[in-house]
Amino acid sequence: MCPESPTGTPPWVGSPTHTEVTVARQSPQRPDADEPELDDTTGPAEPDAAVSADAARALWDELRIDPVEIALPAGTGYTLRAYRPASELTPTDVAERDADDPFLARRQVVEAEDDEDDEVVILDEEVAREFAESDDEEKQAERGAGDAEKGDAEKGDTEEEDDTDEKAADEAGDEEVPAFLSHRGRLLLFKTPESLVSFVRSGAPNDLSQLDSWNELSERVEPADIAPRAEDVYELDLVVENLRGGHDSWDPTLLIEAGEVARDVAYALRLPAVLDMLSSGSSLDDLDEALRASVNGGIGGFMGRRRLKKIGAQTASLGWRTIVGKISAVVDWRD
């Protein structure tokens, strides 16, 4: 039996202080048994990409900001997102954005006119009541005494209600809410990591500059750091087509993640119509809950799949087309 040929050993094994060793190729016709042939295609060890990724992740974890990638029908872009208590954030100013929307501006004018009409009616009623009450001073005095007693009772109830409202407001202020790299009601999306980093370093006004960690980010961030985690990559451009494919082709992960980012964008960019479409009890919220249940095993997953069968594919796709359209309408693309 012929002896087995010895296998090659990487030149850096056993020599931690050396990263590259030059070895002459042995002739394939006359192998040397004492010095086994080495594959010179094996080059020096590449820099560990995981180390770079870990360093970038440490930066985002420290500053509590995350890079996000969002794909829309018009293209794919990078942005930033952070979660902070609502009491620490000033909402984005949408006055200029809404003024550019002729339909919204027209609706606001109509609502303002309705409000003015209501105030006039209320004023007329108050004046008429004052004249009627002045006709009988005695009844007015009795009514005043009764109102005083009633007012004391209502005052106690009002104080209790105020305390409850104040407590609820404090709790709402402590709740963490999303904020994006946006400006004047528009979501800033950058087509390359380099353009995003250039904007951050530029000092240009944006809604995330109010964060206490923003200045440090502008000093430390590099293009290589713009590497969103898998859970921070959203493909809104695929949602409508996926829903049109029918129940059997629906991708739960795609649709669930789309709902998450759509809610975040709608809250941060102040899009009440989108929030309403995804609010609790809506058909799209029912779709989201059924999808989440379907990915679980056991009876919960079975019931979730049954609920999905009852949701109309056409209704869901039309609803999501509207949502994607409204989000796309408030995007400011930056090269």
C-alpha atoms as a PDB file:
ATOM      1  CA  MET A   1       0.000   0.000   0.000  1.00  0.00           C
ATOM      2  CA  CYS A   2       1.306   3.447  -0.942  1.00  0.00           C
ATOM      3  CA  PRO A   3       1.943   5.803   1.977  1.00  0.00           C
ATOM      4  CA  GLU A   4      -0.502   8.697   2.351  1.00  0.00           C
ATOM      5  CA  SER A   5       0.738  12.113   1.303  1.00  0.00           C
ATOM      6  CA  PRO A   6       1.080  14.442   4.334  1.00  0.00           C
ATOM      7  CA  THR A   7      -1.314  17.375   4.405  1.00  0.00           C
ATOM      8  CA  GLY A   8      -0.197  20.981   4.341  1.00  0.00           C
ATOM      9  CA  THR A   9      -0.104  23.015   7.569  1.00  0.00           C
ATOM     10  CA  PRO A  10      -0.904  26.764   7.484  1.00  0.00           C
ATOM     11  CA  PRO A  11       2.315  28.685   8.063  1.00  0.00           C
ATOM     12  CA  TRP A  12       0.853  30.768  10.931  1.00  0.00           C
ATOM     13  CA  VAL A  13      -0.074  27.731  13.105  1.00  0.00           C
ATOM     14  CA  GLY A  14       2.194  27.701  16.143  1.00  0.00           C
ATOM     15  CA  SER A  15       3.599  31.134  15.270  1.00  0.00           C
ATOM     16  CA  PRO A  16       1.185  33.720  16.637  1.00  0.00           C
ATOM     17  CA  THR A  17       3.647  36.554  16.060  1.00  0.00           C
ATOM     18  CA  HIS A  18       3.857  36.000  12.306  1.00  0.00           C
ATOM     19  CA  THR A  19       1.066  36.656   9.858  1.00  0.00           C
ATOM     20  CA  GLU A  20       2.836  35.833   6.589  1.00  0.00           C
ATOM     21  CA  VAL A  21       5.473  33.262   5.637  1.00  0.00           C
ATOM     22  CA  THR A  22       6.969  32.895   2.144  1.00  0.00           C
ATOM     23  CA  VAL A  23       7.401  29.247   1.109  1.00  0.00           C
ATOM     24  CA  ALA A  24       8.823  27.953  -2.186  1.00  0.00           C
ATOM     25  CA  ARG A  25       6.546  25.669  -4.170  1.00  0.00           C
ATOM     26  CA  GLN A  26       7.790  22.066  -4.350  1.00  0.00           C
ATOM     27  CA  SER A  27       7.923  20.322  -7.714  1.00  0.00           C
ATOM     28  CA  PRO A  28       4.839  18.146  -8.182  1.00  0.00           C
ATOM     29  CA  GLN A  29       7.075  15.457  -9.824  1.00  0.00           C
ATOM     30  CA  ARG A  30       9.462  15.137  -6.884  1.00  0.00           C
ATOM     31  CA  PRO A  31       7.698  15.749  -3.592  1.00  0.00           C
ATOM     32  CA  ASP A  32       9.872  16.025  -0.534  1.00  0.00           C
ATOM     33  CA  ALA A  33       8.568  13.871   2.288  1.00  0.00           C
ATOM     34  CA  ASP A  34      10.390  15.921   4.915  1.00  0.00           C
ATOM     35  CA  GLU A  35       8.860  19.237   3.834  1.00  0.00           C
ATOM     36  CA  PRO A  36       5.258  18.841   2.731  1.00  0.00           C
ATOM     37  CA  GLU A  37       3.955  20.898  -0.160  1.00  0.00           C
ATOM     38  CA  LEU A  38       2.083  24.038   0.827  1.00  0.00           C
ATOM     39  CA  ASP A  39      -0.708  25.737  -1.065  1.00  0.00           C
ATOM     40  CA  ASP A  40       0.574  29.199  -1.877  1.00  0.00           C
ATOM     41  CA  THR A  41      -2.978  30.342  -2.623  1.00  0.00           C
ATOM     42  CA  THR A  42      -3.491  30.649   1.114  1.00  0.00           C
ATOM     43  CA  GLY A  43      -2.697  34.266   1.835  1.00  0.00           C
ATOM     44  CA  PRO A  44      -2.337  36.150   5.088  1.00  0.00           C
ATOM     45  CA  ALA A  45      -5.262  36.243   7.459  1.00  0.00           C
ATOM     46  CA  GLU A  46      -7.852  38.854   6.506  1.00  0.00           C
ATOM     47  CA  PRO A  47      -8.908  41.424   9.102  1.00  0.00           C
ATOM     48  CA  ASP A  48     -11.684  40.017  11.206  1.00  0.00           C
ATOM     49  CA  ALA A  49     -14.912  41.583   9.867  1.00  0.00           C
ATOM     50  CA  ALA A  50     -16.702  40.519  13.038  1.00  0.00           C
ATOM     51  CA  VAL A  51     -14.409  42.716  15.121  1.00  0.00           C
ATOM     52  CA  SER A  52     -15.275  45.743  12.976  1.00  0.00           C
ATOM     53  CA  ALA A  53     -18.993  44.947  13.199  1.00  0.00           C
ATOM     54  CA  ASP A  54     -18.764  44.581  16.972  1.00  0.00           C
ATOM     55  CA  ALA A  55     -17.002  47.943  17.244  1.00  0.00           C
ATOM     56  CA  ALA A  56     -19.719  49.623  15.176  1.00  0.00           C
ATOM     57  CA  ARG A  57     -22.419  47.964  17.246  1.00  0.00           C
ATOM     58  CA  ALA A  58     -20.747  49.184  20.429  1.00  0.00           C
ATOM     59  CA  LEU A  59     -20.925  52.752  19.114  1.00  0.00           C
ATOM     60  CA  TRP A  60     -24.658  52.553  18.440  1.00  0.00           C
ATOM     61  CA  ASP A  61     -25.374  50.831  21.745  1.00  0.00           C
ATOM     62  CA  GLU A  62     -23.430  53.481  23.633  1.00  0.00           C
ATOM     63  CA  LEU A  63     -25.165  56.402  21.940  1.00  0.00           C
ATOM     64  CA  ARG A  64     -28.594  54.693  21.814  1.00  0.00           C
ATOM     65  CA  ILE A  65     -29.112  55.445  18.138  1.00  0.00           C
ATOM     66  CA  ASP A  66     -29.442  52.887  15.327  1.00  0.00           C
ATOM     67  CA  PRO A  67     -28.832  52.940  11.576  1.00  0.00           C
ATOM     68  CA  VAL A  68     -31.883  51.823   9.624  1.00  0.00           C
ATOM     69  CA  GLU A  69     -32.332  50.733   6.017  1.00  0.00           C
ATOM     70  CA  ILE A  70     -35.710  51.262   4.350  1.00  0.00           C
ATOM     71  CA  ALA A  71     -36.644  50.105   0.856  1.00  0.00           C
ATOM     72  CA  LEU A  72     -39.461  51.975  -0.879  1.00  0.00           C
ATOM     73  CA  PRO A  73     -40.739  51.825  -4.463  1.00  0.00           C
ATOM     74  CA  ALA A  74     -38.510  54.803  -5.305  1.00  0.00           C
ATOM     75  CA  GLY A  75     -35.365  53.162  -3.953  1.00  0.00           C
ATOM     76  CA  THR A  76     -33.474  52.092  -0.845  1.00  0.00           C
ATOM     77  CA  GLY A  77     -32.003  54.490   1.672  1.00  0.00           C
ATOM     78  CA  TYR A  78     -30.311  54.739   5.060  1.00  0.00           C
ATOM     79  CA  THR A  79     -31.449  56.812   8.001  1.00  0.00           C
ATOM     80  CA  LEU A  80     -31.166  56.868  11.792  1.00  0.00           C
ATOM     81  CA  ARG A  81     -33.682  56.055  14.510  1.00  0.00           C
ATOM     82  CA  ALA A  82     -33.669  56.493  18.270  1.00  0.00           C
ATOM     83  CA  TYR A  83     -36.098  55.762  21.082  1.00  0.00           C
ATOM     84  CA  ARG A  84     -36.435  58.251  23.917  1.00  0.00           C
ATOM     85  CA  PRO A  85     -39.069  59.166  26.535  1.00  0.00           C
ATOM     86  CA  ALA A  86     -41.735  61.341  24.965  1.00  0.00           C
ATOM     87  CA  SER A  87     -41.067  64.053  27.543  1.00  0.00           C
ATOM     88  CA  GLU A  88     -37.503  64.442  26.205  1.00  0.00           C
ATOM     89  CA  LEU A  89     -38.437  64.934  22.545  1.00  0.00           C
ATOM     90  CA  THR A  90     -39.772  67.913  20.649  1.00  0.00           C
ATOM     91  CA  PRO A  91     -41.975  66.630  17.810  1.00  0.00           C
ATOM     92  CA  THR A  92     -41.014  67.453  14.263  1.00  0.00           C
ATOM     93  CA  ASP A  93     -42.555  70.635  12.868  1.00  0.00           C
ATOM     94  CA  VAL A  94     -44.994  69.672  10.109  1.00  0.00           C
ATOM     95  CA  ALA A  95     -46.385  73.155   9.403  1.00  0.00           C
ATOM     96  CA  GLU A  96     -44.328  73.657   6.252  1.00  0.00           C
ATOM     97  CA  ARG A  97     -44.971  70.125   5.011  1.00  0.00           C
ATOM     98  CA  ASP A  98     -48.714  70.372   5.502  1.00  0.00           C
ATOM     99  CA  ALA A  99     -48.800  73.774   3.851  1.00  0.00           C
ATOM    100  CA  ASP A 100     -47.398  72.145   0.707  1.00  0.00           C
ATOM    101  CA  ASP A 101     -50.306  69.683   0.660  1.00  0.00           C
ATOM    102  CA  PRO A 102     -53.225  71.484  -1.075  1.00  0.00           C
ATOM    103  CA  PHE A 103     -55.781  68.911   0.059  1.00  0.00           C
ATOM    104  CA  LEU A 104     -54.697  69.100   3.682  1.00  0.00           C
ATOM    105  CA  ALA A 105     -54.517  72.888   3.603  1.00  0.00           C
ATOM    106  CA  ARG A 106     -58.044  73.086   2.180  1.00  0.00           C
ATOM    107  CA  ARG A 107     -59.350  70.753   4.873  1.00  0.00           C
ATOM    108  CA  GLN A 108     -57.713  72.842   7.605  1.00  0.00           C
ATOM    109  CA  VAL A 109     -59.357  76.004   6.262  1.00  0.00           C
ATOM    110  CA  VAL A 110     -62.772  74.333   6.321  1.00  0.00           C
ATOM    111  CA  GLU A 111     -62.212  73.100   9.872  1.00  0.00           C
ATOM    112  CA  ALA A 112     -61.135  76.584  10.971  1.00  0.00           C
ATOM    113  CA  GLU A 113     -64.271  78.119   9.473  1.00  0.00           C
ATOM    114  CA  ASP A 114     -66.408  75.521  11.234  1.00  0.00           C
ATOM    115  CA  ASP A 115     -64.688  76.344  14.527  1.00  0.00           C
ATOM    116  CA  GLU A 116     -65.339  80.062  14.051  1.00  0.00           C
ATOM    117  CA  ASP A 117     -69.023  79.416  13.341  1.00  0.00           C
ATOM    118  CA  ASP A 118     -69.306  77.302  16.486  1.00  0.00           C
ATOM    119  CA  GLU A 119     -67.777  80.045  18.590  1.00  0.00           C
ATOM    120  CA  VAL A 120     -70.262  82.624  17.247  1.00  0.00           C
ATOM    121  CA  VAL A 121     -73.198  80.380  18.047  1.00  0.00           C
ATOM    122  CA  ILE A 122     -71.938  79.775  21.555  1.00  0.00           C
ATOM    123  CA  LEU A 123     -71.449  83.483  22.084  1.00  0.00           C
ATOM    124  CA  ASP A 124     -75.038  84.261  20.949  1.00  0.00           C
ATOM    125  CA  GLU A 125     -76.435  81.640  23.288  1.00  0.00           C
ATOM    126  CA  GLU A 126     -74.505  83.064  26.229  1.00  0.00           C
ATOM    127  CA  VAL A 127     -75.707  86.616  25.535  1.00  0.00           C
ATOM    128  CA  ALA A 128     -79.335  85.460  25.244  1.00  0.00           C
ATOM    129  CA  ARG A 129     -79.086  83.545  28.486  1.00  0.00           C
ATOM    130  CA  GLU A 130     -77.687  86.568  30.313  1.00  0.00           C
ATOM    131  CA  PHE A 131     -80.621  88.729  29.181  1.00  0.00           C
ATOM    132  CA  ALA A 132     -83.135  86.092  30.222  1.00  0.00           C
ATOM    133  CA  GLU A 133     -81.613  85.682  33.664  1.00  0.00           C
ATOM    134  CA  SER A 134     -81.450  89.409  34.304  1.00  0.00           C
ATOM    135  CA  ASP A 135     -85.279  89.625  34.105  1.00  0.00           C
ATOM    136  CA  ASP A 136     -85.651  87.910  37.452  1.00  0.00           C
ATOM    137  CA  GLU A 137     -82.969  88.872  39.993  1.00  0.00           C
ATOM    138  CA  GLU A 138     -84.452  86.699  42.709  1.00  0.00           C
ATOM    139  CA  LYS A 139     -84.262  83.544  40.633  1.00  0.00           C
ATOM    140  CA  GLN A 140     -80.781  84.502  39.607  1.00  0.00           C
ATOM    141  CA  ALA A 141     -79.662  84.781  43.253  1.00  0.00           C
ATOM    142  CA  GLU A 142     -81.207  81.414  44.123  1.00  0.00           C
ATOM    143  CA  ARG A 143     -79.582  79.881  41.108  1.00  0.00           C
ATOM    144  CA  GLY A 144     -76.234  81.356  42.158  1.00  0.00           C
ATOM    145  CA  ALA A 145     -76.478  79.813  45.619  1.00  0.00           C
ATOM    146  CA  GLY A 146     -77.327  76.436  44.144  1.00  0.00           C
ATOM    147  CA  ASP A 147     -74.521  76.709  41.680  1.00  0.00           C
ATOM    148  CA  ALA A 148     -72.083  77.446  44.502  1.00  0.00           C
ATOM    149  CA  GLU A 149     -73.022  74.243  46.333  1.00  0.00           C
ATOM    150  CA  LYS A 150     -72.897  72.274  43.119  1.00  0.00           C
ATOM    151  CA  GLY A 151     -69.591  73.896  42.258  1.00  0.00           C
ATOM    152  CA  ASP A 152     -68.027  72.745  45.524  1.00  0.00           C
ATOM    153  CA  ALA A 153     -69.040  69.161  44.790  1.00  0.00           C
ATOM    154  CA  GLU A 154     -67.850  69.376  41.200  1.00  0.00           C
ATOM    155  CA  LYS A 155     -64.597  70.952  42.334  1.00  0.00           C
ATOM    156  CA  GLY A 156     -63.752  67.857  44.340  1.00  0.00           C
ATOM    157  CA  ASP A 157     -64.535  65.627  41.370  1.00  0.00           C
ATOM    158  CA  THR A 158     -62.535  67.886  39.082  1.00  0.00           C
ATOM    159  CA  GLU A 159     -59.492  67.748  41.355  1.00  0.00           C
ATOM    160  CA  GLU A 160     -59.611  63.966  41.355  1.00  0.00           C
ATOM    161  CA  GLU A 161     -59.924  63.944  37.552  1.00  0.00           C
ATOM    162  CA  ASP A 162     -57.019  66.391  37.250  1.00  0.00           C
ATOM    163  CA  ASP A 163     -54.853  64.169  39.441  1.00  0.00           C
ATOM    164  CA  THR A 164     -55.716  61.171  37.248  1.00  0.00           C
ATOM    165  CA  ASP A 165     -55.032  63.101  34.061  1.00  0.00           C
ATOM    166  CA  GLU A 166     -51.741  64.389  35.419  1.00  0.00           C
ATOM    167  CA  LYS A 167     -50.673  60.874  36.375  1.00  0.00           C
ATOM    168  CA  ALA A 168     -51.599  59.576  32.938  1.00  0.00           C
ATOM    169  CA  ALA A 169     -49.659  62.423  31.326  1.00  0.00           C
ATOM    170  CA  ASP A 170     -46.591  61.595  33.417  1.00  0.00           C
ATOM    171  CA  GLU A 171     -46.804  57.958  32.401  1.00  0.00           C
ATOM    172  CA  ALA A 172     -47.181  58.950  28.743  1.00  0.00           C
ATOM    173  CA  GLY A 173     -44.163  61.224  29.064  1.00  0.00           C
ATOM    174  CA  ASP A 174     -42.044  58.363  30.388  1.00  0.00           C
ATOM    175  CA  GLU A 175     -43.004  56.057  27.509  1.00  0.00           C
ATOM    176  CA  GLU A 176     -40.259  55.661  24.930  1.00  0.00           C
ATOM    177  CA  VAL A 177     -41.270  56.791  21.464  1.00  0.00           C
ATOM    178  CA  PRO A 178     -39.422  56.715  18.125  1.00  0.00           C
ATOM    179  CA  ALA A 179     -37.605  59.605  16.501  1.00  0.00           C
ATOM    180  CA  PHE A 180     -35.981  59.522  13.063  1.00  0.00           C
ATOM    181  CA  LEU A 181     -33.411  61.561  11.215  1.00  0.00           C
ATOM    182  CA  SER A 182     -35.981  63.991   9.867  1.00  0.00           C
ATOM    183  CA  HIS A 183     -36.517  67.692   9.348  1.00  0.00           C
ATOM    184  CA  ARG A 184     -39.725  69.710   9.156  1.00  0.00           C
ATOM    185  CA  GLY A 185     -41.939  66.678   8.889  1.00  0.00           C
ATOM    186  CA  ARG A 186     -39.893  64.863   6.243  1.00  0.00           C
ATOM    187  CA  LEU A 187     -37.929  61.634   6.634  1.00  0.00           C
ATOM    188  CA  LEU A 188     -34.344  62.009   5.430  1.00  0.00           C
ATOM    189  CA  LEU A 189     -33.171  58.952   3.451  1.00  0.00           C
ATOM    190  CA  PHE A 190     -29.613  58.685   2.119  1.00  0.00           C
ATOM    191  CA  LYS A 191     -28.672  56.429  -0.766  1.00  0.00           C
ATOM    192  CA  THR A 192     -25.156  55.708   0.535  1.00  0.00           C
ATOM    193  CA  PRO A 193     -23.526  55.431   3.967  1.00  0.00           C
ATOM    194  CA  GLU A 194     -21.055  58.116   2.899  1.00  0.00           C
ATOM    195  CA  SER A 195     -23.795  60.658   2.201  1.00  0.00           C
ATOM    196  CA  LEU A 196     -25.470  59.897   5.527  1.00  0.00           C
ATOM    197  CA  VAL A 197     -22.222  60.368   7.455  1.00  0.00           C
ATOM    198  CA  SER A 198     -21.483  63.571   5.543  1.00  0.00           C
ATOM    199  CA  PHE A 199     -24.863  64.978   6.569  1.00  0.00           C
ATOM    200  CA  VAL A 200     -24.397  64.011  10.222  1.00  0.00           C
ATOM    201  CA  ARG A 201     -21.000  65.725  10.312  1.00  0.00           C
ATOM    202  CA  SER A 202     -22.259  68.826   8.502  1.00  0.00           C
ATOM    203  CA  GLY A 203     -24.205  70.206  11.439  1.00  0.00           C
ATOM    204  CA  ALA A 204     -27.319  70.632   9.287  1.00  0.00           C
ATOM    205  CA  PRO A 205     -30.557  71.047  11.268  1.00  0.00           C
ATOM    206  CA  ASN A 206     -32.531  67.892  11.961  1.00  0.00           C
ATOM    207  CA  ASP A 207     -34.829  66.429  14.610  1.00  0.00           C
ATOM    208  CA  LEU A 208     -32.206  64.100  16.130  1.00  0.00           C
ATOM    209  CA  SER A 209     -29.830  66.958  16.933  1.00  0.00           C
ATOM    210  CA  GLN A 210     -31.813  67.478  20.144  1.00  0.00           C
ATOM    211  CA  LEU A 211     -30.449  64.177  21.514  1.00  0.00           C
ATOM    212  CA  ASP A 212     -27.715  64.464  24.132  1.00  0.00           C
ATOM    213  CA  SER A 213     -25.570  61.950  22.225  1.00  0.00           C
ATOM    214  CA  TRP A 214     -25.826  63.647  18.820  1.00  0.00           C
ATOM    215  CA  ASN A 215     -22.653  65.725  19.032  1.00  0.00           C
ATOM    216  CA  GLU A 216     -20.597  62.694  19.985  1.00  0.00           C
ATOM    217  CA  LEU A 217     -22.061  60.729  17.098  1.00  0.00           C
ATOM    218  CA  SER A 218     -21.157  63.479  14.628  1.00  0.00           C
ATOM    219  CA  GLU A 219     -17.539  63.281  15.820  1.00  0.00           C
ATOM    220  CA  ARG A 220     -17.146  59.504  15.843  1.00  0.00           C
ATOM    221  CA  VAL A 221     -19.330  58.005  13.106  1.00  0.00           C
ATOM    222  CA  GLU A 222     -17.684  56.565   9.979  1.00  0.00           C
ATOM    223  CA  PRO A 223     -19.258  55.193   6.780  1.00  0.00           C
ATOM    224  CA  ALA A 224     -18.267  51.664   7.836  1.00  0.00           C
ATOM    225  CA  ASP A 225     -20.461  52.077  10.922  1.00  0.00           C
ATOM    226  CA  ILE A 226     -23.619  52.395   8.799  1.00  0.00           C
ATOM    227  CA  ALA A 227     -24.362  48.685   8.882  1.00  0.00           C
ATOM    228  CA  PRO A 228     -27.954  48.098  10.041  1.00  0.00           C
ATOM    229  CA  ARG A 229     -28.801  44.894  11.863  1.00  0.00           C
ATOM    230  CA  ALA A 230     -31.032  42.419  10.066  1.00  0.00           C
ATOM    231  CA  GLU A 231     -33.985  43.451  12.229  1.00  0.00           C
ATOM    232  CA  ASP A 232     -33.442  47.102  11.221  1.00  0.00           C
ATOM    233  CA  VAL A 233     -33.772  46.430   7.475  1.00  0.00           C
ATOM    234  CA  TYR A 234     -37.306  47.007   6.161  1.00  0.00           C
ATOM    235  CA  GLU A 235     -38.571  46.167   2.683  1.00  0.00           C
ATOM    236  CA  LEU A 236     -41.711  48.214   2.278  1.00  0.00           C
ATOM    237  CA  ASP A 237     -41.363  47.956  -1.487  1.00  0.00           C
ATOM    238  CA  LEU A 238     -42.236  44.239  -1.358  1.00  0.00           C
ATOM    239  CA  VAL A 239     -45.263  44.387   0.936  1.00  0.00           C
ATOM    240  CA  VAL A 240     -48.010  45.094  -1.609  1.00  0.00           C
ATOM    241  CA  GLU A 241     -46.827  42.464  -4.088  1.00  0.00           C
ATOM    242  CA  ASN A 242     -46.495  39.899  -1.332  1.00  0.00           C
ATOM    243  CA  LEU A 243     -50.054  40.507  -0.174  1.00  0.00           C
ATOM    244  CA  ARG A 244     -51.360  40.298  -3.725  1.00  0.00           C
ATOM    245  CA  GLY A 245     -49.876  36.824  -4.046  1.00  0.00           C
ATOM    246  CA  GLY A 246     -52.527  35.358  -1.768  1.00  0.00           C
ATOM    247  CA  HIS A 247     -52.577  33.858   1.705  1.00  0.00           C
ATOM    248  CA  ASP A 248     -50.263  30.959   0.926  1.00  0.00           C
ATOM    249  CA  SER A 249     -47.449  33.262  -0.213  1.00  0.00           C
ATOM    250  CA  TRP A 250     -47.628  35.796   2.605  1.00  0.00           C
ATOM    251  CA  ASP A 251     -44.299  36.360   4.355  1.00  0.00           C
ATOM    252  CA  PRO A 252     -44.998  36.908   8.084  1.00  0.00           C
ATOM    253  CA  THR A 253     -41.563  38.344   8.863  1.00  0.00           C
ATOM    254  CA  LEU A 254     -41.722  40.828   5.986  1.00  0.00           C
ATOM    255  CA  LEU A 255     -45.228  42.013   6.887  1.00  0.00           C
ATOM    256  CA  ILE A 256     -44.707  42.159  10.658  1.00  0.00           C
ATOM    257  CA  GLU A 257     -41.506  44.195  10.322  1.00  0.00           C
ATOM    258  CA  ALA A 258     -43.200  46.488   7.796  1.00  0.00           C
ATOM    259  CA  GLY A 259     -45.939  47.184  10.330  1.00  0.00           C
ATOM    260  CA  GLU A 260     -43.386  48.007  13.008  1.00  0.00           C
ATOM    261  CA  VAL A 261     -41.471  50.558  10.962  1.00  0.00           C
ATOM    262  CA  ALA A 262     -44.660  52.053   9.500  1.00  0.00           C
ATOM    263  CA  ARG A 263     -45.987  52.709  13.009  1.00  0.00           C
ATOM    264  CA  ASP A 264     -42.669  54.255  14.054  1.00  0.00           C
ATOM    265  CA  VAL A 265     -42.489  56.511  11.003  1.00  0.00           C
ATOM    266  CA  ALA A 266     -46.150  57.503  11.330  1.00  0.00           C
ATOM    267  CA  TYR A 267     -45.649  58.495  14.968  1.00  0.00           C
ATOM    268  CA  ALA A 268     -42.360  60.323  14.475  1.00  0.00           C
ATOM    269  CA  LEU A 269     -43.432  62.095  11.266  1.00  0.00           C
ATOM    270  CA  ARG A 270     -46.943  62.825  12.585  1.00  0.00           C
ATOM    271  CA  LEU A 271     -49.001  60.922  10.026  1.00  0.00           C
ATOM    272  CA  PRO A 272     -52.355  60.403  11.792  1.00  0.00           C
ATOM    273  CA  ALA A 273     -53.952  58.712   8.775  1.00  0.00           C
ATOM    274  CA  VAL A 274     -51.336  55.949   8.829  1.00  0.00           C
ATOM    275  CA  LEU A 275     -51.645  55.550  12.588  1.00  0.00           C
ATOM    276  CA  ASP A 276     -55.405  55.169  12.229  1.00  0.00           C
ATOM    277  CA  MET A 277     -55.020  52.494   9.558  1.00  0.00           C
ATOM    278  CA  LEU A 278     -52.695  50.504  11.852  1.00  0.00           C
ATOM    279  CA  SER A 279     -54.489  51.252  15.112  1.00  0.00           C
ATOM    280  CA  SER A 280     -55.879  48.580  17.389  1.00  0.00           C
ATOM    281  CA  GLY A 281     -59.025  47.011  15.971  1.00  0.00           C
ATOM    282  CA  SER A 282     -58.326  47.994  12.363  1.00  0.00           C
ATOM    283  CA  SER A 283     -58.252  45.373   9.620  1.00  0.00           C
ATOM    284  CA  LEU A 284     -54.495  45.788   9.153  1.00  0.00           C
ATOM    285  CA  ASP A 285     -53.946  45.425  12.884  1.00  0.00           C
ATOM    286  CA  ASP A 286     -55.985  42.200  12.769  1.00  0.00           C
ATOM    287  CA  LEU A 287     -53.696  41.054   9.960  1.00  0.00           C
ATOM    288  CA  ASP A 288     -50.638  41.862  12.067  1.00  0.00           C
ATOM    289  CA  GLU A 289     -51.939  39.949  15.086  1.00  0.00           C
ATOM    290  CA  ALA A 290     -52.889  36.938  12.975  1.00  0.00           C
ATOM    291  CA  LEU A 291     -49.437  36.894  11.375  1.00  0.00           C
ATOM    292  CA  ARG A 292     -47.742  37.015  14.757  1.00  0.00           C
ATOM    293  CA  ALA A 293     -49.922  34.179  16.019  1.00  0.00           C
ATOM    294  CA  SER A 294     -49.312  32.104  12.879  1.00  0.00           C
ATOM    295  CA  VAL A 295     -45.548  31.977  13.421  1.00  0.00           C
ATOM    296  CA  ASN A 296     -46.020  30.418  16.849  1.00  0.00           C
ATOM    297  CA  GLY A 297     -46.397  26.703  17.231  1.00  0.00           C
ATOM    298  CA  GLY A 298     -49.238  24.813  18.805  1.00  0.00           C
ATOM    299  CA  ILE A 299     -52.863  25.811  18.930  1.00  0.00           C
ATOM    300  CA  GLY A 300     -51.999  29.525  18.791  1.00  0.00           C
ATOM    301  CA  GLY A 301     -50.294  29.110  15.446  1.00  0.00           C
ATOM    302  CA  PHE A 302     -53.182  27.039  14.115  1.00  0.00           C
ATOM    303  CA  MET A 303     -55.735  29.657  15.156  1.00  0.00           C
ATOM    304  CA  GLY A 304     -53.590  32.402  13.669  1.00  0.00           C
ATOM    305  CA  ARG A 305     -53.505  30.674  10.295  1.00  0.00           C
ATOM    306  CA  ARG A 306     -57.268  30.248  10.403  1.00  0.00           C
ATOM    307  CA  ARG A 307     -57.694  33.965  11.072  1.00  0.00           C
ATOM    308  CA  LEU A 308     -55.436  34.799   8.141  1.00  0.00           C
ATOM    309  CA  LYS A 309     -57.710  32.864   5.784  1.00  0.00           C
ATOM    310  CA  LYS A 310     -60.555  35.217   6.710  1.00  0.00           C
ATOM    311  CA  ILE A 311     -58.615  38.378   5.841  1.00  0.00           C
ATOM    312  CA  GLY A 312     -59.156  39.619   2.310  1.00  0.00           C
ATOM    313  CA  ALA A 313     -55.944  39.776   0.306  1.00  0.00           C
ATOM    314  CA  GLN A 314     -57.244  42.614  -1.855  1.00  0.00           C
ATOM    315  CA  THR A 315     -58.300  44.723   1.130  1.00  0.00           C
ATOM    316  CA  ALA A 316     -54.947  44.193   2.821  1.00  0.00           C
ATOM    317  CA  SER A 317     -52.945  45.035  -0.303  1.00  0.00           C
ATOM    318  CA  LEU A 318     -54.970  48.196  -0.957  1.00  0.00           C
ATOM    319  CA  GLY A 319     -54.527  49.320   2.627  1.00  0.00           C
ATOM    320  CA  TRP A 320     -50.787  48.791   2.532  1.00  0.00           C
ATOM    321  CA  ARG A 321     -50.492  50.509  -0.838  1.00  0.00           C
ATOM    322  CA  THR A 322     -52.016  53.591   0.781  1.00  0.00           C
ATOM    323  CA  ILE A 323     -49.612  53.390   3.729  1.00  0.00           C
ATOM    324  CA  VAL A 324     -46.531  52.999   1.547  1.00  0.00           C
ATOM    325  CA  GLY A 325     -47.739  55.889  -0.601  1.00  0.00           C
ATOM    326  CA  LYS A 326     -48.218  58.214   2.377  1.00  0.00           C
ATOM    327  CA  ILE A 327     -44.789  57.355   3.796  1.00  0.00           C
ATOM    328  CA  SER A 328     -43.153  57.823   0.389  1.00  0.00           C
ATOM    329  CA  ALA A 329     -44.799  61.240   0.107  1.00  0.00           C
ATOM    330  CA  VAL A 330     -42.932  62.556   3.186  1.00  0.00           C
ATOM    331  CA  VAL A 331     -39.487  61.199   2.246  1.00  0.00           C
ATOM    332  CA  ASP A 332     -36.705  63.625   1.386  1.00  0.00           C
ATOM    333  CA  TRP A 333     -34.171  61.670  -0.686  1.00  0.00           C
ATOM    334  CA  ARG A 334     -30.541  62.705  -0.269  1.00  0.00           C
ATOM    335  CA  ASP A 335     -27.675  61.504  -2.482  1.00  0.00           C
END
